[in-house]
N, C-alpha and C. Protein backbone atom coordinates (compact mmCIF):
# COMPACT_ATOMS: atom_id res chain seq x y z
N MET A 1 0.64 -1.26 0.15
CA MET A 1 0.04 0.02 0.70
C MET A 1 0.85 1.18 0.04
N SER A 2 1.87 1.81 0.93
CA SER A 2 2.70 2.29 0.62
C SER A 2 3.44 2.61 -0.39
N TYR A 3 3.72 0.99 -1.42
CA TYR A 3 4.60 1.68 -2.61
C TYR A 3 3.85 2.06 -3.37
N LEU A 4 2.06 1.66 -3.26
CA LEU A 4 1.90 2.34 -4.23
C LEU A 4 1.70 3.69 -4.07
N SER A 5 1.04 4.16 -3.04
CA SER A 5 1.35 5.24 -2.82
C SER A 5 2.17 6.02 -3.40
N ILE A 6 3.56 6.01 -2.90
CA ILE A 6 5.23 7.02 -3.03
C ILE A 6 4.80 6.76 -4.79
N LEU A 7 4.24 5.50 -5.40
CA LEU A 7 4.67 5.85 -6.86
C LEU A 7 3.85 6.92 -7.34
N THR A 8 2.29 6.82 -6.78
CA THR A 8 1.25 7.98 -7.10
C THR A 8 2.33 9.29 -6.62
N SER A 9 2.52 9.23 -5.72
CA SER A 9 3.10 10.84 -5.22
C SER A 9 3.76 11.24 -6.46
N LYS A 10 4.41 9.97 -6.80
CA LYS A 10 6.32 10.67 -7.84
C LYS A 10 5.41 11.29 -8.79
N ASN A 11 4.35 10.24 -9.07
CA ASN A 11 3.60 10.51 -10.67
C ASN A 11 2.97 11.87 -10.44
N ILE A 12 2.14 12.57 -9.44
CA ILE A 12 1.72 13.68 -9.56
C ILE A 12 2.47 14.62 -9.49
N THR A 13 3.75 14.48 -8.44
CA THR A 13 4.79 15.33 -9.11
C THR A 13 5.52 15.64 -9.61
N GLY A 14 5.69 14.83 -10.97
CA GLY A 14 6.33 14.71 -11.83
C GLY A 14 5.04 15.56 -13.17
N LEU A 15 4.15 14.75 -12.86
CA LEU A 15 3.44 15.76 -13.70
C LEU A 15 2.78 17.08 -13.24
N PHE A 16 2.93 17.80 -12.10
CA PHE A 16 2.74 19.10 -11.91
C PHE A 16 3.96 19.61 -12.29
N PHE A 17 5.35 19.16 -12.17
CA PHE A 17 6.88 19.72 -13.00
C PHE A 17 6.73 20.13 -14.58
N ILE A 18 5.96 19.18 -14.75
CA ILE A 18 5.83 19.26 -16.27
C ILE A 18 5.05 19.89 -16.86
N SER A 19 3.73 20.27 -16.26
CA SER A 19 3.02 21.23 -16.69
C SER A 19 3.87 22.63 -16.00
N PHE A 20 4.26 22.81 -14.99
CA PHE A 20 4.63 23.86 -14.47
C PHE A 20 5.84 24.51 -15.43
N SER A 21 6.90 23.55 -16.05
CA SER A 21 7.74 24.37 -17.20
C SER A 21 7.28 24.25 -18.11
N THR A 22 6.07 23.77 -18.80
CA THR A 22 5.27 24.02 -20.37
C THR A 22 4.67 25.30 -19.73
N CYS A 23 4.44 25.67 -18.46
CA CYS A 23 3.63 26.75 -18.61
C CYS A 23 4.98 28.13 -18.61
N ILE A 24 5.86 27.71 -17.94
CA ILE A 24 6.82 28.67 -18.27
C ILE A 24 7.26 28.99 -19.79
N LYS A 25 8.07 28.02 -20.43
CA LYS A 25 8.07 28.07 -21.87
C LYS A 25 7.19 28.93 -22.36
N THR A 26 5.32 28.95 -21.94
CA THR A 26 4.48 29.29 -22.69
C THR A 26 4.62 31.04 -22.06
N LEU A 27 4.88 31.21 -21.33
CA LEU A 27 5.52 32.25 -20.64
C LEU A 27 6.61 33.09 -21.38
N GLN A 28 7.11 32.47 -22.14
CA GLN A 28 8.47 33.38 -22.50
C GLN A 28 8.31 32.95 -23.76
N VAL A 29 7.63 32.60 -24.53
CA VAL A 29 6.93 32.85 -26.18
C VAL A 29 5.94 33.56 -25.97
N ASN A 30 5.41 33.94 -25.15
CA ASN A 30 4.23 35.05 -25.55
C ASN A 30 4.93 36.29 -25.29
N ARG A 31 6.06 36.48 -24.03
CA ARG A 31 6.97 38.02 -23.85
C ARG A 31 7.69 38.35 -25.52
N LYS A 32 8.00 37.54 -25.85
CA LYS A 32 8.91 37.71 -27.66
C LYS A 32 8.02 38.62 -28.30
């Protein structure tokens, strides 16, 4: 159970980081 929760938390963090970096890239493109 704990192993599954660790995997889920890692996936959520990864998705959040990817979406966050994508938003920053979009903002940088919009600034130009």
